[in-house]
């Protein structure tokens, strides 16, 4: 269901589906980003770090959080642009972790243009044990509901 700027209420919360982070996810992200850091790609080297094993790229977690939000389907036709991301990395995401996000509408602001508004969402990314591993805000420019013409 498409939702427009007017359809969101400050404080409203949504929970995304879950998704397990796989070896393929990490390898594909490394290829796309060019980040082949041993912490992500070298099991022997990563075993000697404070994490004791390989971890997913932090930006992969952010990307998955964004994708999980997209799976809710509410912005498919109404989002205009990504304006800002303010993100904190709280803990590691290991290969095999299952993650999901809780999204809360934090702020709404009308713009000088009558066909759009600014929507800021707080996002918390959880592991399967309910630990918050990443959190932050995502601000987007969203269409307002089209006016009916008679």
Protein backbone atom coordinates (compact mmCIF):
# COMPACT_ATOMS: atom_id res chain seq x y z
CA UNK A 1 0.00 0.00 0.00
CA UNK A 2 1.50 3.31 -1.06
CA UNK A 3 1.65 5.89 1.69
CA UNK A 4 2.10 9.59 1.22
CA UNK A 5 3.50 12.24 3.57
CA UNK A 6 0.07 12.84 5.14
CA UNK A 7 -0.37 9.15 5.93
CA UNK A 8 2.44 9.07 8.50
CA UNK A 9 2.09 10.04 12.17
CA UNK A 10 4.96 11.04 14.44
CA UNK A 11 5.53 8.17 16.88
CA UNK A 12 4.13 5.53 14.55
CA UNK A 13 6.19 2.32 14.58
CA UNK A 14 6.67 -0.42 12.01
CA UNK A 15 8.61 -3.69 12.33
CA UNK A 16 10.24 -5.19 9.25
CA UNK A 17 10.53 -8.82 8.27
CA UNK A 18 13.67 -10.68 9.41
CA UNK A 19 16.64 -11.63 7.25
CA UNK A 20 19.69 -13.82 7.88
CA UNK A 21 23.08 -12.38 6.86
CA UNK A 22 24.91 -14.92 4.71
CA UNK A 23 28.38 -15.61 3.36
CA UNK A 24 27.06 -14.63 -0.06
CA UNK A 25 25.84 -11.26 1.27
CA UNK A 26 29.30 -10.42 2.64
CA UNK A 27 31.13 -11.58 -0.50
CA UNK A 28 28.74 -9.71 -2.80
CA UNK A 29 29.00 -6.52 -0.74
CA UNK A 30 32.80 -6.76 -0.76
CA UNK A 31 32.70 -7.01 -4.53
CA UNK A 32 30.32 -4.09 -4.92
CA UNK A 33 32.08 -1.82 -2.45
CA UNK A 34 35.68 -2.91 -3.04
CA UNK A 35 36.08 -3.44 0.72
CA UNK A 36 37.96 -6.73 1.10
CA UNK A 37 39.17 -6.00 4.64
CA UNK A 38 40.35 -9.25 6.28
CA UNK A 39 37.91 -8.59 9.13
CA UNK A 40 35.16 -9.46 6.63
CA UNK A 41 36.94 -11.84 4.27
CA UNK A 42 39.66 -13.79 6.14
CA UNK A 43 38.37 -16.32 8.69
CA UNK A 44 41.84 -17.03 10.12
CA UNK A 45 42.80 -13.37 10.43
CA UNK A 46 39.39 -12.37 11.83
CA UNK A 47 39.64 -15.13 14.47
CA UNK A 48 42.51 -13.15 16.02
CA UNK A 49 40.47 -9.93 16.39
CA UNK A 50 38.33 -8.81 19.32
CA UNK A 51 35.33 -10.34 17.54
CA UNK A 52 36.87 -13.81 17.24
CA UNK A 53 35.34 -14.34 13.82
CA UNK A 54 34.46 -12.53 10.61
CA UNK A 55 31.87 -9.78 10.76
CA UNK A 56 29.62 -8.26 8.13
CA UNK A 57 30.56 -4.83 6.81
CA UNK A 58 28.93 -2.07 8.86
CA UNK A 59 27.58 -0.47 5.72
CA UNK A 60 26.11 -3.82 4.70
CA UNK A 61 24.03 -3.69 7.89
CA UNK A 62 22.83 -0.18 7.00
CA UNK A 63 22.04 -1.33 3.46
CA UNK A 64 20.08 -4.33 4.71
CA UNK A 65 18.18 -2.09 7.18
CA UNK A 66 17.21 0.14 4.26
CA UNK A 67 16.15 -2.87 2.20
CA UNK A 68 14.11 -4.32 5.04
CA UNK A 69 12.27 -1.00 5.30
CA UNK A 70 11.64 -1.10 1.56
CA UNK A 71 10.09 -4.56 1.95
CA UNK A 72 7.26 -2.90 3.89
CA UNK A 73 6.23 -1.48 0.49
CA UNK A 74 5.03 1.88 1.73
CA UNK A 75 7.48 4.09 -0.17
CA UNK A 76 7.58 2.34 -3.53
CA UNK A 77 5.71 5.10 -5.35
CA UNK A 78 5.93 8.04 -2.96
CA UNK A 79 9.60 8.52 -2.07
CA UNK A 80 11.34 11.24 -4.07
CA UNK A 81 14.87 11.31 -2.63
CA UNK A 82 17.12 10.26 0.23
CA UNK A 83 18.20 13.45 2.03
CA UNK A 84 20.25 12.34 5.03
CA UNK A 85 21.47 9.33 6.97
CA UNK A 86 22.85 9.67 10.50
CA UNK A 87 23.99 6.21 11.63
CA UNK A 88 25.65 4.58 14.65
CA UNK A 89 27.31 1.17 14.72
CA UNK A 90 26.75 -0.38 18.16
CA UNK A 91 27.95 -3.96 17.74
CA UNK A 92 29.01 -6.59 15.23
CA UNK A 93 26.78 -8.48 12.85
CA UNK A 94 28.17 -11.97 12.37
CA UNK A 95 27.57 -14.21 9.39
CA UNK A 96 24.49 -16.25 10.28
CA UNK A 97 22.87 -13.52 12.43
CA UNK A 98 19.21 -12.87 11.71
CA UNK A 99 18.34 -9.20 11.78
CA UNK A 100 15.24 -7.03 11.60
CA UNK A 101 14.47 -3.34 12.07
CA UNK A 102 12.03 -1.26 14.06
CA UNK A 103 11.21 2.00 12.31
CA UNK A 104 9.65 4.94 14.14
CA UNK A 105 8.42 8.12 12.49
CA UNK A 106 10.47 10.73 14.35
CA UNK A 107 9.64 13.98 12.55
CA UNK A 108 7.55 15.36 9.72
CA UNK A 109 8.09 18.73 8.09
CA UNK A 110 6.22 20.41 5.30
CA UNK A 111 8.27 22.09 2.60
CA UNK A 112 7.70 25.24 0.59
CA UNK A 113 6.52 23.04 -2.27
CA UNK A 114 2.94 21.81 -1.88
CA UNK A 115 3.59 18.40 -3.47
CA UNK A 116 6.17 17.09 -0.95
CA UNK A 117 7.25 16.83 2.66
CA UNK A 118 10.27 15.72 4.66
CA UNK A 119 9.98 12.57 6.76
CA UNK A 120 12.60 11.52 9.32
CA UNK A 121 12.51 7.95 10.62
CA UNK A 122 14.45 6.53 13.54
CA UNK A 123 15.68 3.03 12.77
CA UNK A 124 16.94 0.38 15.17
CA UNK A 125 18.53 -2.76 13.72
CA UNK A 126 18.25 -5.81 16.00
CA UNK A 127 19.97 -9.19 16.05
CA UNK A 128 18.06 -12.36 16.86
CA UNK A 129 18.77 -11.90 20.60
CA UNK A 130 17.12 -8.44 20.56
CA UNK A 131 20.47 -6.63 20.79
CA UNK A 132 20.52 -3.31 18.92
CA UNK A 133 23.55 -3.51 16.61
CA UNK A 134 22.95 -0.36 14.57
CA UNK A 135 20.69 2.65 14.90
CA UNK A 136 20.16 6.06 13.44
CA UNK A 137 17.91 8.26 11.40
CA UNK A 138 17.00 8.26 7.74
CA UNK A 139 15.46 11.38 6.22
CA UNK A 140 13.62 11.27 2.92
CA UNK A 141 11.67 13.61 0.69
CA UNK A 142 8.20 12.10 0.23
CA UNK A 143 5.33 13.01 -2.08
CA UNK A 144 2.17 14.47 -0.65
CA UNK A 145 -1.12 12.89 -1.64
CA UNK A 146 -2.09 14.04 -5.15
CA UNK A 147 -4.99 16.48 -5.16
CA UNK A 148 -8.12 15.26 -6.90
CA UNK A 149 -9.32 17.44 -9.74
CA UNK A 150 -13.01 17.85 -10.45
